[in-house]
Amino acid sequence: MKVVFIGDIVGNVGRDAVKRLLPWIKNKYQPHIIIANGENAAAGRGINAAITRDLFDWGVHGITMGNHTWDNREIFEFIDDEKRMIRPANLPPGTPGRGYTVIKAGSKELALVNLIGRTFLPPSECPFRAADDILEELRGRTKCILVDFHAEATSEKIAMGWHLDGRASLVVGTHTHVQTNDDRILPGGTAYLTDAGMTGPRDGVLGMDRDSVLHKFLTGLPTRFQVADTKWILSGLCVEIDDSTGRATKIQKIRVDEDSWIAE
């Protein structure tokens, strides 16, 4: 099985990049399943029903979220019913939505799990123990499992990679919007990348307008951030998984921007 994961989609610039590049991605990587992190898809904060429908219509099979899950209140109207979208599983009991699901595409099945870190982020339940419980439950369903760990600290993400080595097919970090260069397959067969990177404005600061961000750093004053209006960049990865074992056999970063991309 080939799976493409698209890093945090930021605003209309990120959505435009996804819409333009998905046909190219399908042609180049031949993925069976495409997953995207959508927690910043609506003006940089949260997601709404129309954007969710667009992503699925364009060819995304599953959407993960993060700490901005609830920023657009419209999500409360559909997250319980949309089985292809998940929010962090280690939020308190009774939180709307679901923390994991199984994505089907043709003859392929991929379990999709979303977790959120506790370092430098709002309080949540232990992601490591939540992962243990979920993977134990999924073990009888499928061996192919993707975990999106939405976390700030690189140490926490790396620790999760080792914690799930041999139990998940892929552990990929999101949230920091900067793609890391540590893609590897761990000894137990788990593909790992600390952060998939961002899909959005290339020349902002983590997707936001750089002048606003600079103003905040220089003055320390409250500043309203807007999604930058610049050329786009798309970041993510492609992983190949042995369906019979759930072990990853190859991981490859994807990083393309508006200046370097040539439609094929």
Protein backbone atom coordinates (compact mmCIF):
# COMPACT_ATOMS: atom_id res chain seq x y z
CA MET A 1 0.00 0.00 0.00
CA LYS A 2 1.15 3.52 -0.78
CA VAL A 3 -0.03 6.36 1.45
CA VAL A 4 0.53 10.08 0.91
CA PHE A 5 0.28 12.38 3.93
CA ILE A 6 -0.10 16.14 3.33
CA GLY A 7 1.18 18.45 6.06
CA ASP A 8 -0.93 21.12 7.77
CA ILE A 9 -3.07 22.91 5.16
CA VAL A 10 -3.05 26.64 5.92
CA GLY A 11 -5.81 28.87 4.58
CA ASN A 12 -6.86 29.49 1.00
CA VAL A 13 -3.26 29.40 -0.24
CA GLY A 14 -2.80 25.91 1.16
CA ARG A 15 -6.14 24.74 -0.20
CA ASP A 16 -5.24 26.07 -3.65
CA ALA A 17 -1.96 24.15 -3.52
CA VAL A 18 -3.77 20.92 -2.62
CA LYS A 19 -6.32 21.38 -5.39
CA ARG A 20 -3.63 22.06 -7.99
CA LEU A 21 -1.18 19.37 -6.92
CA LEU A 22 -3.41 16.41 -6.10
CA PRO A 23 -3.61 15.27 -9.75
CA TRP A 24 0.19 15.55 -9.94
CA ILE A 25 0.62 13.69 -6.65
CA LYS A 26 -1.66 10.88 -7.82
CA ASN A 27 0.26 10.56 -11.08
CA LYS A 28 3.73 10.73 -9.53
CA TYR A 29 3.30 8.66 -6.35
CA GLN A 30 0.33 6.43 -7.28
CA PRO A 31 -1.06 6.45 -3.71
CA HIS A 32 -3.88 4.19 -2.65
CA ILE A 33 -4.85 6.52 0.21
CA ILE A 34 -4.28 10.25 0.76
CA ILE A 35 -4.46 11.79 4.25
CA ALA A 36 -4.20 15.50 5.09
CA ASN A 37 -4.01 17.54 8.28
CA GLY A 38 -6.77 20.16 8.01
CA GLU A 39 -6.75 22.00 11.35
CA ASN A 40 -5.60 25.29 9.77
CA ALA A 41 -7.55 25.01 6.51
CA ALA A 42 -10.14 27.75 7.23
CA ALA A 43 -8.30 31.09 7.31
CA GLY A 44 -5.53 29.48 9.35
CA ARG A 45 -7.75 28.35 12.22
CA GLY A 46 -10.02 25.31 12.15
CA ILE A 47 -12.05 23.90 9.28
CA ASN A 48 -15.62 24.17 8.03
CA ALA A 49 -18.05 21.90 6.20
CA ALA A 50 -17.49 23.40 2.74
CA ILE A 51 -13.70 23.01 2.96
CA THR A 52 -14.10 19.47 4.27
CA ARG A 53 -16.29 18.58 1.28
CA ASP A 54 -13.80 20.18 -1.11
CA LEU A 55 -10.88 18.18 0.26
CA PHE A 56 -12.79 14.92 -0.10
CA ASP A 57 -14.02 15.88 -3.57
CA TRP A 58 -10.45 16.61 -4.66
CA GLY A 59 -9.28 13.15 -3.60
CA VAL A 60 -8.32 13.27 0.09
CA HIS A 61 -9.54 10.14 1.90
CA GLY A 62 -9.05 11.17 5.53
CA ILE A 63 -8.49 14.37 7.56
CA THR A 64 -6.66 14.74 10.86
CA MET A 65 -6.83 17.77 13.15
CA GLY A 66 -4.99 19.29 16.14
CA ASN A 67 -5.06 22.10 18.69
CA HIS A 68 -7.12 24.35 16.38
CA THR A 69 -9.86 21.75 15.92
CA TRP A 70 -12.54 23.87 17.59
CA ASP A 71 -11.53 27.33 16.33
CA ASN A 72 -14.29 27.32 13.71
CA ARG A 73 -17.48 26.53 15.62
CA GLU A 74 -19.17 25.14 12.52
CA ILE A 75 -17.24 21.91 13.10
CA PHE A 76 -19.60 21.01 15.96
CA GLU A 77 -22.37 20.63 13.36
CA PHE A 78 -20.70 17.81 11.42
CA ILE A 79 -17.70 16.25 13.20
CA ASP A 80 -19.79 13.55 14.92
CA ASP A 81 -21.18 12.36 11.59
CA GLU A 82 -18.05 12.66 9.43
CA LYS A 83 -16.26 9.34 9.94
CA ARG A 84 -13.38 10.31 7.65
CA MET A 85 -12.31 13.17 9.95
CA ILE A 86 -10.66 12.65 13.33
CA ARG A 87 -9.54 14.94 16.14
CA PRO A 88 -6.92 14.15 18.83
CA ALA A 89 -7.92 10.96 20.62
CA ASN A 90 -6.46 11.97 23.98
CA LEU A 91 -8.89 14.83 24.58
CA PRO A 92 -11.22 14.42 27.58
CA PRO A 93 -14.02 11.82 27.47
CA GLY A 94 -17.19 13.25 25.94
CA THR A 95 -15.37 15.47 23.45
CA PRO A 96 -17.24 15.54 20.10
CA GLY A 97 -15.92 13.53 17.20
CA ARG A 98 -13.60 10.53 17.21
CA GLY A 99 -9.88 10.09 17.71
CA TYR A 100 -9.34 7.24 15.30
CA THR A 101 -11.04 5.58 12.36
CA VAL A 102 -10.43 3.14 9.52
CA ILE A 103 -10.17 4.60 6.04
CA LYS A 104 -11.18 2.39 3.11
CA ALA A 105 -10.20 2.98 -0.51
CA GLY A 106 -10.82 0.18 -2.94
CA SER A 107 -9.38 -3.00 -1.45
CA LYS A 108 -7.11 -1.09 0.95
CA GLU A 109 -7.72 -0.30 4.62
CA LEU A 110 -5.71 2.10 6.75
CA ALA A 111 -6.32 2.80 10.42
CA LEU A 112 -5.91 6.51 11.12
CA VAL A 113 -5.08 7.79 14.62
CA ASN A 114 -4.75 11.39 15.81
CA LEU A 115 -2.97 12.36 19.05
CA ILE A 116 -1.92 15.68 20.56
CA GLY A 117 1.17 16.40 22.64
CA ARG A 118 1.23 17.86 26.14
CA THR A 119 4.45 19.90 26.00
CA PHE A 120 3.75 23.63 25.35
CA LEU A 121 0.13 22.83 24.39
CA PRO A 122 -3.17 22.95 26.32
CA PRO A 123 -3.73 20.14 28.85
CA SER A 124 -4.80 16.75 27.53
CA GLU A 125 -4.70 13.11 28.55
CA CYS A 126 -1.46 11.14 28.12
CA PRO A 127 -0.94 10.54 24.39
CA PHE A 128 1.34 7.55 25.00
CA ARG A 129 -1.20 5.63 27.06
CA ALA A 130 -3.98 6.65 24.67
CA ALA A 131 -1.92 5.27 21.80
CA ASP A 132 -1.42 1.99 23.66
CA ASP A 133 -5.16 1.55 24.19
CA ILE A 134 -6.09 2.46 20.61
CA LEU A 135 -3.49 0.30 18.92
CA GLU A 136 -4.49 -2.65 21.08
CA GLU A 137 -8.08 -2.17 19.91
CA LEU A 138 -7.05 -1.82 16.25
CA ARG A 139 -4.72 -4.82 16.21
CA GLY A 140 -7.48 -7.22 15.25
CA ARG A 141 -8.82 -4.91 12.53
CA THR A 142 -5.81 -4.00 10.40
CA LYS A 143 -2.03 -4.06 10.54
CA CYS A 144 -1.65 -0.83 8.56
CA ILE A 145 -1.82 2.11 10.98
CA LEU A 146 -0.94 5.79 10.51
CA VAL A 147 -0.51 8.00 13.59
CA ASP A 148 -0.56 11.79 13.25
CA PHE A 149 1.05 13.12 16.43
CA HIS A 150 0.22 16.83 16.62
CA ALA A 151 2.86 18.12 19.02
CA GLU A 152 5.21 21.04 19.64
CA ALA A 153 8.28 19.43 21.16
CA THR A 154 10.54 17.38 18.91
CA SER A 155 11.56 15.24 21.89
CA GLU A 156 7.95 14.26 22.54
CA LYS A 157 7.46 13.33 18.88
CA ILE A 158 10.66 11.28 18.71
CA ALA A 159 9.69 9.51 21.92
CA MET A 160 6.32 8.61 20.39
CA GLY A 161 8.05 7.21 17.32
CA TRP A 162 10.10 4.87 19.47
CA HIS A 163 7.12 4.06 21.67
CA LEU A 164 5.11 2.87 18.67
CA ASP A 165 7.94 1.27 16.69
CA GLY A 166 6.76 -2.08 15.44
CA ARG A 167 3.13 -1.30 16.26
CA ALA A 168 2.33 1.50 13.79
CA SER A 169 3.19 1.66 10.10
CA LEU A 170 3.86 5.42 10.20
CA VAL A 171 4.24 7.97 12.97
CA VAL A 172 4.30 11.47 11.50
CA GLY A 173 4.45 14.72 13.43
CA THR A 174 2.42 17.82 12.60
CA HIS A 175 1.89 21.30 14.14
CA THR A 176 5.24 23.10 13.78
CA HIS A 177 4.75 23.76 10.03
CA VAL A 178 8.47 23.21 9.31
CA GLN A 179 9.39 19.98 7.56
CA THR A 180 12.18 18.08 9.29
CA ASN A 181 14.94 16.06 7.65
CA ASP A 182 14.87 12.97 9.85
CA ASP A 183 12.71 10.64 7.77
CA ARG A 184 13.64 7.03 8.47
CA ILE A 185 12.30 3.57 9.09
CA LEU A 186 12.83 2.51 12.69
CA PRO A 187 14.13 -0.99 13.52
CA GLY A 188 10.66 -2.39 14.18
CA GLY A 189 9.39 -1.30 10.76
CA THR A 190 7.70 2.00 11.64
CA ALA A 191 8.28 4.88 9.24
CA TYR A 192 8.93 8.11 11.13
CA LEU A 193 9.17 11.86 10.42
CA THR A 194 9.23 14.46 13.21
CA ASP A 195 7.19 16.97 11.20
CA ALA A 196 5.59 16.69 7.78
CA GLY A 197 5.74 20.45 7.28
CA MET A 198 3.13 22.90 6.03
CA THR A 199 1.02 23.26 2.92
CA GLY A 200 0.34 26.97 2.56
CA PRO A 201 2.02 30.35 2.08
CA ARG A 202 5.72 29.81 1.45
CA ASP A 203 6.91 33.33 2.29
CA GLY A 204 5.04 34.02 5.50
CA VAL A 205 5.94 32.90 9.02
CA LEU A 206 4.42 29.45 9.55
CA GLY A 207 1.81 30.52 7.01
CA MET A 208 0.94 33.86 8.62
CA ASP A 209 1.64 37.33 7.24
CA ARG A 210 5.26 38.05 8.13
CA ASP A 211 4.80 41.77 8.83
CA SER A 212 2.22 41.03 11.52
CA VAL A 213 4.43 38.40 13.10
CA LEU A 214 7.46 40.70 13.03
CA HIS A 215 5.39 43.47 14.64
CA LYS A 216 4.51 41.17 17.52
CA PHE A 217 8.12 40.09 18.02
CA LEU A 218 9.42 43.66 17.86
CA THR A 219 6.80 45.28 20.09
CA GLY A 220 5.41 42.49 22.25
CA LEU A 221 1.93 43.89 21.57
CA PRO A 222 -1.13 41.78 20.73
CA THR A 223 -1.38 41.37 16.96
CA ARG A 224 -4.03 39.84 14.76
CA PHE A 225 -2.47 37.28 12.43
CA GLN A 226 -3.78 36.74 8.91
CA VAL A 227 -2.86 34.03 6.44
CA ALA A 228 -0.09 35.38 4.21
CA ASP A 229 -0.85 36.10 0.57
CA THR A 230 2.25 34.61 -1.05
CA LYS A 231 3.20 31.78 -3.34
CA TRP A 232 2.45 28.31 -2.00
CA ILE A 233 4.47 25.38 -0.77
CA LEU A 234 3.23 21.82 -0.31
CA SER A 235 4.95 19.55 2.19
CA GLY A 236 4.29 15.97 3.17
CA LEU A 237 5.48 12.44 2.57
CA CYS A 238 4.80 9.18 0.80
CA VAL A 239 5.18 5.88 2.63
CA GLU A 240 5.02 2.35 1.26
CA ILE A 241 3.59 -0.30 3.59
CA ASP A 242 3.62 -4.08 3.37
CA ASP A 243 -0.07 -4.92 3.68
CA SER A 244 0.60 -8.36 5.14
CA THR A 245 2.82 -7.16 8.01
CA GLY A 246 2.00 -3.47 8.41
CA ARG A 247 5.72 -2.68 8.26
CA ALA A 248 6.89 0.31 6.24
CA THR A 249 9.28 -0.47 3.40
CA LYS A 250 9.97 3.06 2.14
CA ILE A 251 9.46 6.67 3.25
CA GLN A 252 9.98 9.69 1.00
CA LYS A 253 9.48 13.35 1.83
CA ILE A 254 7.41 15.54 -0.51
CA ARG A 255 8.29 19.22 -0.75
CA VAL A 256 7.38 21.35 -3.76
CA ASP A 257 6.76 25.08 -4.12
CA GLU A 258 5.08 27.26 -6.70
CA ASP A 259 8.35 28.29 -8.37
CA SER A 260 9.77 24.77 -8.76
CA TRP A 261 6.60 22.84 -9.60
CA ILE A 262 6.10 21.82 -13.19
CA ALA A 263 2.80 20.16 -14.02
CA GLU A 264 3.20 16.71 -15.53
